[in-house]
Protein backbone atom coordinates (compact mmCIF):
# COMPACT_ATOMS: atom_id res chain seq x y z
CA UNK A 1 0.00 0.00 0.00
CA UNK A 2 1.42 3.36 -0.99
CA UNK A 3 1.77 6.12 1.60
CA UNK A 4 -0.79 8.28 -0.16
CA UNK A 5 -3.42 5.54 0.18
CA UNK A 6 -2.73 5.24 3.91
CA UNK A 7 -3.39 8.94 4.33
CA UNK A 8 -6.57 8.69 2.24
CA UNK A 9 -7.82 5.91 4.51
CA UNK A 10 -6.89 8.01 7.54
CA UNK A 11 -8.86 10.92 6.07
CA UNK A 12 -11.92 8.72 5.61
CA UNK A 13 -11.70 7.23 9.11
CA UNK A 14 -11.30 10.69 10.65
CA UNK A 15 -14.46 11.85 8.86
CA UNK A 16 -16.36 8.81 10.15
CA UNK A 17 -15.22 9.65 13.70
CA UNK A 18 -16.35 13.27 13.21
CA UNK A 19 -19.76 11.99 12.09
CA UNK A 20 -20.01 9.78 15.18
CA UNK A 21 -19.05 12.72 17.39
CA UNK A 22 -21.69 14.91 15.75
CA UNK A 23 -24.60 12.45 15.72
CA UNK A 24 -23.72 10.34 18.77
CA UNK A 25 -25.25 12.39 21.59
CA UNK A 26 -28.59 12.80 19.82
CA UNK A 27 -28.77 9.13 18.90
CA UNK A 28 -27.91 8.07 22.45
CA UNK A 29 -30.46 10.47 23.94
CA UNK A 30 -33.30 9.41 21.62
CA UNK A 31 -32.22 5.74 21.52
CA UNK A 32 -33.01 5.71 17.81
CA UNK A 33 -30.96 6.36 14.70
CA UNK A 34 -33.82 8.06 12.88
CA UNK A 35 -35.32 9.98 15.80
CA UNK A 36 -31.87 11.22 16.78
CA UNK A 37 -31.35 13.01 13.45
CA UNK A 38 -30.40 16.65 14.12
CA UNK A 39 -29.22 17.89 10.74
CA UNK A 40 -27.26 16.99 7.65
CA UNK A 41 -23.77 17.38 9.17
CA UNK A 42 -22.95 13.69 9.73
CA UNK A 43 -24.30 12.77 6.30
CA UNK A 44 -22.13 15.45 4.71
CA UNK A 45 -19.06 14.09 6.51
CA UNK A 46 -19.81 10.57 5.29
CA UNK A 47 -20.42 11.81 1.74
CA UNK A 48 -17.01 13.48 1.73
CA UNK A 49 -15.45 10.29 3.11
CA UNK A 50 -17.01 8.36 0.22
CA UNK A 51 -15.77 11.00 -2.23
CA UNK A 52 -12.21 10.70 -0.93
CA UNK A 53 -12.39 6.90 -0.99
CA UNK A 54 -13.87 6.52 -4.45
CA UNK A 55 -12.50 9.38 -6.56
CA UNK A 56 -8.85 8.72 -7.33
CA UNK A 57 -7.95 12.27 -8.38
CA UNK A 58 -4.80 13.56 -6.74
CA UNK A 59 -6.42 16.59 -5.07
CA UNK A 60 -9.67 14.97 -3.89
CA UNK A 61 -8.60 14.95 -0.20
CA UNK A 62 -8.44 18.75 -0.34
CA UNK A 63 -12.25 18.83 -0.63
CA UNK A 64 -12.44 17.06 2.74
CA UNK A 65 -9.85 19.45 4.17
CA UNK A 66 -11.87 22.50 3.04
CA UNK A 67 -15.10 21.02 4.42
CA UNK A 68 -13.42 20.33 7.77
CA UNK A 69 -12.08 23.87 7.99
CA UNK A 70 -15.54 25.30 7.29
CA UNK A 71 -17.24 23.08 9.87
CA UNK A 72 -14.57 23.83 12.49
CA UNK A 73 -14.92 27.56 11.89
CA UNK A 74 -18.72 27.31 12.06
CA UNK A 75 -18.55 25.18 15.19
CA UNK A 76 -16.29 27.55 17.05
CA UNK A 77 -18.48 30.49 16.01
CA UNK A 78 -21.45 28.80 17.74
CA UNK A 79 -21.59 29.38 21.50
CA UNK A 80 -23.42 26.09 22.14
CA UNK A 81 -20.65 24.10 20.49
CA UNK A 82 -17.89 25.83 22.43
CA UNK A 83 -19.79 25.35 25.71
CA UNK A 84 -19.74 21.59 25.13
CA UNK A 85 -15.92 21.71 25.38
CA UNK A 86 -15.87 23.19 28.85
CA UNK A 87 -18.77 21.30 30.45
CA UNK A 88 -17.47 17.88 31.46
CA UNK A 89 -20.56 17.34 33.62
CA UNK A 90 -22.43 16.47 30.42
CA UNK A 91 -20.05 13.62 29.68
CA UNK A 92 -21.51 12.36 26.39
CA UNK A 93 -21.72 15.83 24.83
CA UNK A 94 -18.26 16.70 26.15
CA UNK A 95 -16.62 13.61 24.66
CA UNK A 96 -18.58 13.89 21.42
CA UNK A 97 -17.48 17.50 20.91
CA UNK A 98 -13.86 16.51 21.37
CA UNK A 99 -14.25 13.48 19.09
CA UNK A 100 -15.81 15.60 16.36
CA UNK A 101 -13.16 18.31 16.63
CA UNK A 102 -10.26 15.87 16.72
CA UNK A 103 -11.82 14.09 13.74
CA UNK A 104 -11.81 17.34 11.77
CA UNK A 105 -8.24 18.15 12.81
CA UNK A 106 -7.14 14.65 11.78
CA UNK A 107 -8.98 15.04 8.47
CA UNK A 108 -7.06 18.23 7.79
CA UNK A 109 -3.74 16.58 8.65
CA UNK A 110 -4.34 13.33 6.76
CA UNK A 111 -5.84 15.11 3.75
CA UNK A 112 -2.90 17.47 3.39
CA UNK A 113 -0.47 14.59 3.91
CA UNK A 114 -2.19 12.50 1.21
CA UNK A 115 -1.83 15.29 -1.35
CA UNK A 116 1.72 16.14 -0.29
CA UNK A 117 2.86 12.50 -0.25
CA UNK A 118 1.47 11.88 -3.71
CA UNK A 119 2.97 15.12 -5.04
CA UNK A 120 6.37 14.24 -3.59
CA UNK A 121 6.22 10.72 -5.06
CA UNK A 122 5.30 12.01 -8.52
CA UNK A 123 8.03 14.67 -8.36
CA UNK A 124 10.68 12.09 -7.49
CA UNK A 125 9.45 9.82 -10.30
CA UNK A 126 9.67 12.59 -12.88
CA UNK A 127 13.16 13.53 -11.64
CA UNK A 128 14.37 9.97 -12.21
CA UNK A 129 13.30 9.97 -15.84
C-alpha atoms as a PDB file:
ATOM      1  CA  UNK A   1       0.000   0.000   0.000  1.00  0.00           C
ATOM      2  CA  UNK A   2       1.422   3.357  -0.990  1.00  0.00           C
ATOM      3  CA  UNK A   3       1.770   6.119   1.597  1.00  0.00           C
ATOM      4  CA  UNK A   4      -0.789   8.284  -0.163  1.00  0.00           C
ATOM      5  CA  UNK A   5      -3.416   5.541   0.184  1.00  0.00           C
ATOM      6  CA  UNK A   6      -2.732   5.243   3.911  1.00  0.00           C
ATOM      7  CA  UNK A   7      -3.386   8.940   4.330  1.00  0.00           C
ATOM      8  CA  UNK A   8      -6.569   8.691   2.243  1.00  0.00           C
ATOM      9  CA  UNK A   9      -7.816   5.910   4.508  1.00  0.00           C
ATOM     10  CA  UNK A  10      -6.894   8.010   7.543  1.00  0.00           C
ATOM     11  CA  UNK A  11      -8.856  10.917   6.075  1.00  0.00           C
ATOM     12  CA  UNK A  12     -11.923   8.725   5.611  1.00  0.00           C
ATOM     13  CA  UNK A  13     -11.700   7.234   9.112  1.00  0.00           C
ATOM     14  CA  UNK A  14     -11.301  10.691  10.654  1.00  0.00           C
ATOM     15  CA  UNK A  15     -14.457  11.853   8.859  1.00  0.00           C
ATOM     16  CA  UNK A  16     -16.359   8.814  10.148  1.00  0.00           C
ATOM     17  CA  UNK A  17     -15.223   9.653  13.700  1.00  0.00           C
ATOM     18  CA  UNK A  18     -16.355  13.265  13.210  1.00  0.00           C
ATOM     19  CA  UNK A  19     -19.764  11.985  12.087  1.00  0.00           C
ATOM     20  CA  UNK A  20     -20.007   9.775  15.180  1.00  0.00           C
ATOM     21  CA  UNK A  21     -19.047  12.717  17.389  1.00  0.00           C
ATOM     22  CA  UNK A  22     -21.688  14.911  15.753  1.00  0.00           C
ATOM     23  CA  UNK A  23     -24.595  12.453  15.722  1.00  0.00           C
ATOM     24  CA  UNK A  24     -23.716  10.343  18.767  1.00  0.00           C
ATOM     25  CA  UNK A  25     -25.250  12.391  21.586  1.00  0.00           C
ATOM     26  CA  UNK A  26     -28.593  12.804  19.823  1.00  0.00           C
ATOM     27  CA  UNK A  27     -28.773   9.130  18.904  1.00  0.00           C
ATOM     28  CA  UNK A  28     -27.910   8.069  22.454  1.00  0.00           C
ATOM     29  CA  UNK A  29     -30.457  10.467  23.942  1.00  0.00           C
ATOM     30  CA  UNK A  30     -33.303   9.410  21.623  1.00  0.00           C
ATOM     31  CA  UNK A  31     -32.224   5.739  21.518  1.00  0.00           C
ATOM     32  CA  UNK A  32     -33.007   5.710  17.812  1.00  0.00           C
ATOM     33  CA  UNK A  33     -30.961   6.355  14.703  1.00  0.00           C
ATOM     34  CA  UNK A  34     -33.819   8.065  12.880  1.00  0.00           C
ATOM     35  CA  UNK A  35     -35.320   9.981  15.801  1.00  0.00           C
ATOM     36  CA  UNK A  36     -31.868  11.222  16.777  1.00  0.00           C
ATOM     37  CA  UNK A  37     -31.350  13.014  13.453  1.00  0.00           C
ATOM     38  CA  UNK A  38     -30.403  16.647  14.118  1.00  0.00           C
ATOM     39  CA  UNK A  39     -29.220  17.888  10.745  1.00  0.00           C
ATOM     40  CA  UNK A  40     -27.262  16.993   7.650  1.00  0.00           C
ATOM     41  CA  UNK A  41     -23.773  17.379   9.171  1.00  0.00           C
ATOM     42  CA  UNK A  42     -22.945  13.690   9.729  1.00  0.00           C
ATOM     43  CA  UNK A  43     -24.303  12.765   6.304  1.00  0.00           C
ATOM     44  CA  UNK A  44     -22.134  15.447   4.711  1.00  0.00           C
ATOM     45  CA  UNK A  45     -19.061  14.086   6.507  1.00  0.00           C
ATOM     46  CA  UNK A  46     -19.815  10.566   5.291  1.00  0.00           C
ATOM     47  CA  UNK A  47     -20.422  11.807   1.741  1.00  0.00           C
ATOM     48  CA  UNK A  48     -17.011  13.485   1.728  1.00  0.00           C
ATOM     49  CA  UNK A  49     -15.446  10.293   3.113  1.00  0.00           C
ATOM     50  CA  UNK A  50     -17.011   8.359   0.219  1.00  0.00           C
ATOM     51  CA  UNK A  51     -15.767  11.002  -2.230  1.00  0.00           C
ATOM     52  CA  UNK A  52     -12.205  10.702  -0.933  1.00  0.00           C
ATOM     53  CA  UNK A  53     -12.392   6.898  -0.986  1.00  0.00           C
ATOM     54  CA  UNK A  54     -13.875   6.523  -4.454  1.00  0.00           C
ATOM     55  CA  UNK A  55     -12.503   9.382  -6.561  1.00  0.00           C
ATOM     56  CA  UNK A  56      -8.851   8.722  -7.329  1.00  0.00           C
ATOM     57  CA  UNK A  57      -7.952  12.272  -8.384  1.00  0.00           C
ATOM     58  CA  UNK A  58      -4.801  13.561  -6.743  1.00  0.00           C
ATOM     59  CA  UNK A  59      -6.419  16.590  -5.075  1.00  0.00           C
ATOM     60  CA  UNK A  60      -9.667  14.969  -3.885  1.00  0.00           C
ATOM     61  CA  UNK A  61      -8.598  14.951  -0.197  1.00  0.00           C
ATOM     62  CA  UNK A  62      -8.436  18.755  -0.342  1.00  0.00           C
ATOM     63  CA  UNK A  63     -12.245  18.834  -0.632  1.00  0.00           C
ATOM     64  CA  UNK A  64     -12.444  17.055   2.739  1.00  0.00           C
ATOM     65  CA  UNK A  65      -9.849  19.452   4.165  1.00  0.00           C
ATOM     66  CA  UNK A  66     -11.869  22.499   3.036  1.00  0.00           C
ATOM     67  CA  UNK A  67     -15.104  21.021   4.416  1.00  0.00           C
ATOM     68  CA  UNK A  68     -13.420  20.325   7.766  1.00  0.00           C
ATOM     69  CA  UNK A  69     -12.076  23.872   7.986  1.00  0.00           C
ATOM     70  CA  UNK A  70     -15.540  25.295   7.285  1.00  0.00           C
ATOM     71  CA  UNK A  71     -17.236  23.084   9.870  1.00  0.00           C
ATOM     72  CA  UNK A  72     -14.566  23.827  12.491  1.00  0.00           C
ATOM     73  CA  UNK A  73     -14.919  27.561  11.891  1.00  0.00           C
ATOM     74  CA  UNK A  74     -18.717  27.308  12.058  1.00  0.00           C
ATOM     75  CA  UNK A  75     -18.552  25.178  15.193  1.00  0.00           C
ATOM     76  CA  UNK A  76     -16.285  27.553  17.054  1.00  0.00           C
ATOM     77  CA  UNK A  77     -18.477  30.486  16.008  1.00  0.00           C
ATOM     78  CA  UNK A  78     -21.453  28.796  17.737  1.00  0.00           C
ATOM     79  CA  UNK A  79     -21.595  29.383  21.496  1.00  0.00           C
ATOM     80  CA  UNK A  80     -23.424  26.092  22.139  1.00  0.00           C
ATOM     81  CA  UNK A  81     -20.653  24.098  20.486  1.00  0.00           C
ATOM     82  CA  UNK A  82     -17.888  25.827  22.432  1.00  0.00           C
ATOM     83  CA  UNK A  83     -19.789  25.349  25.705  1.00  0.00           C
ATOM     84  CA  UNK A  84     -19.742  21.590  25.129  1.00  0.00           C
ATOM     85  CA  UNK A  85     -15.921  21.709  25.377  1.00  0.00           C
ATOM     86  CA  UNK A  86     -15.867  23.188  28.847  1.00  0.00           C
ATOM     87  CA  UNK A  87     -18.771  21.305  30.447  1.00  0.00           C
ATOM     88  CA  UNK A  88     -17.465  17.882  31.458  1.00  0.00           C
ATOM     89  CA  UNK A  89     -20.557  17.335  33.621  1.00  0.00           C
ATOM     90  CA  UNK A  90     -22.433  16.468  30.419  1.00  0.00           C
ATOM     91  CA  UNK A  91     -20.048  13.616  29.679  1.00  0.00           C
ATOM     92  CA  UNK A  92     -21.506  12.358  26.395  1.00  0.00           C
ATOM     93  CA  UNK A  93     -21.719  15.829  24.833  1.00  0.00           C
ATOM     94  CA  UNK A  94     -18.257  16.703  26.149  1.00  0.00           C
ATOM     95  CA  UNK A  95     -16.617  13.606  24.660  1.00  0.00           C
ATOM     96  CA  UNK A  96     -18.581  13.888  21.417  1.00  0.00           C
ATOM     97  CA  UNK A  97     -17.482  17.504  20.911  1.00  0.00           C
ATOM     98  CA  UNK A  98     -13.858  16.512  21.369  1.00  0.00           C
ATOM     99  CA  UNK A  99     -14.254  13.482  19.091  1.00  0.00           C
ATOM    100  CA  UNK A 100     -15.814  15.603  16.362  1.00  0.00           C
ATOM    101  CA  UNK A 101     -13.164  18.312  16.633  1.00  0.00           C
ATOM    102  CA  UNK A 102     -10.256  15.866  16.716  1.00  0.00           C
ATOM    103  CA  UNK A 103     -11.818  14.086  13.735  1.00  0.00           C
ATOM    104  CA  UNK A 104     -11.808  17.340  11.769  1.00  0.00           C
ATOM    105  CA  UNK A 105      -8.240  18.154  12.808  1.00  0.00           C
ATOM    106  CA  UNK A 106      -7.141  14.654  11.780  1.00  0.00           C
ATOM    107  CA  UNK A 107      -8.984  15.039   8.472  1.00  0.00           C
ATOM    108  CA  UNK A 108      -7.057  18.231   7.789  1.00  0.00           C
ATOM    109  CA  UNK A 109      -3.738  16.582   8.654  1.00  0.00           C
ATOM    110  CA  UNK A 110      -4.343  13.334   6.762  1.00  0.00           C
ATOM    111  CA  UNK A 111      -5.839  15.111   3.748  1.00  0.00           C
ATOM    112  CA  UNK A 112      -2.904  17.466   3.393  1.00  0.00           C
ATOM    113  CA  UNK A 113      -0.465  14.589   3.909  1.00  0.00           C
ATOM    114  CA  UNK A 114      -2.195  12.504   1.208  1.00  0.00           C
ATOM    115  CA  UNK A 115      -1.832  15.288  -1.346  1.00  0.00           C
ATOM    116  CA  UNK A 116       1.724  16.144  -0.291  1.00  0.00           C
ATOM    117  CA  UNK A 117       2.862  12.505  -0.246  1.00  0.00           C
ATOM    118  CA  UNK A 118       1.468  11.879  -3.706  1.00  0.00           C
ATOM    119  CA  UNK A 119       2.966  15.118  -5.045  1.00  0.00           C
ATOM    120  CA  UNK A 120       6.371  14.242  -3.591  1.00  0.00           C
ATOM    121  CA  UNK A 121       6.217  10.723  -5.055  1.00  0.00           C
ATOM    122  CA  UNK A 122       5.303  12.014  -8.518  1.00  0.00           C
ATOM    123  CA  UNK A 123       8.032  14.672  -8.364  1.00  0.00           C
ATOM    124  CA  UNK A 124      10.677  12.087  -7.489  1.00  0.00           C
ATOM    125  CA  UNK A 125       9.448   9.821 -10.297  1.00  0.00           C
ATOM    126  CA  UNK A 126       9.673  12.589 -12.878  1.00  0.00           C
ATOM    127  CA  UNK A 127      13.161  13.534 -11.639  1.00  0.00           C
ATOM    128  CA  UNK A 128      14.375   9.965 -12.206  1.00  0.00           C
ATOM    129  CA  UNK A 129      13.303   9.973 -15.837  1.00  0.00           C
END
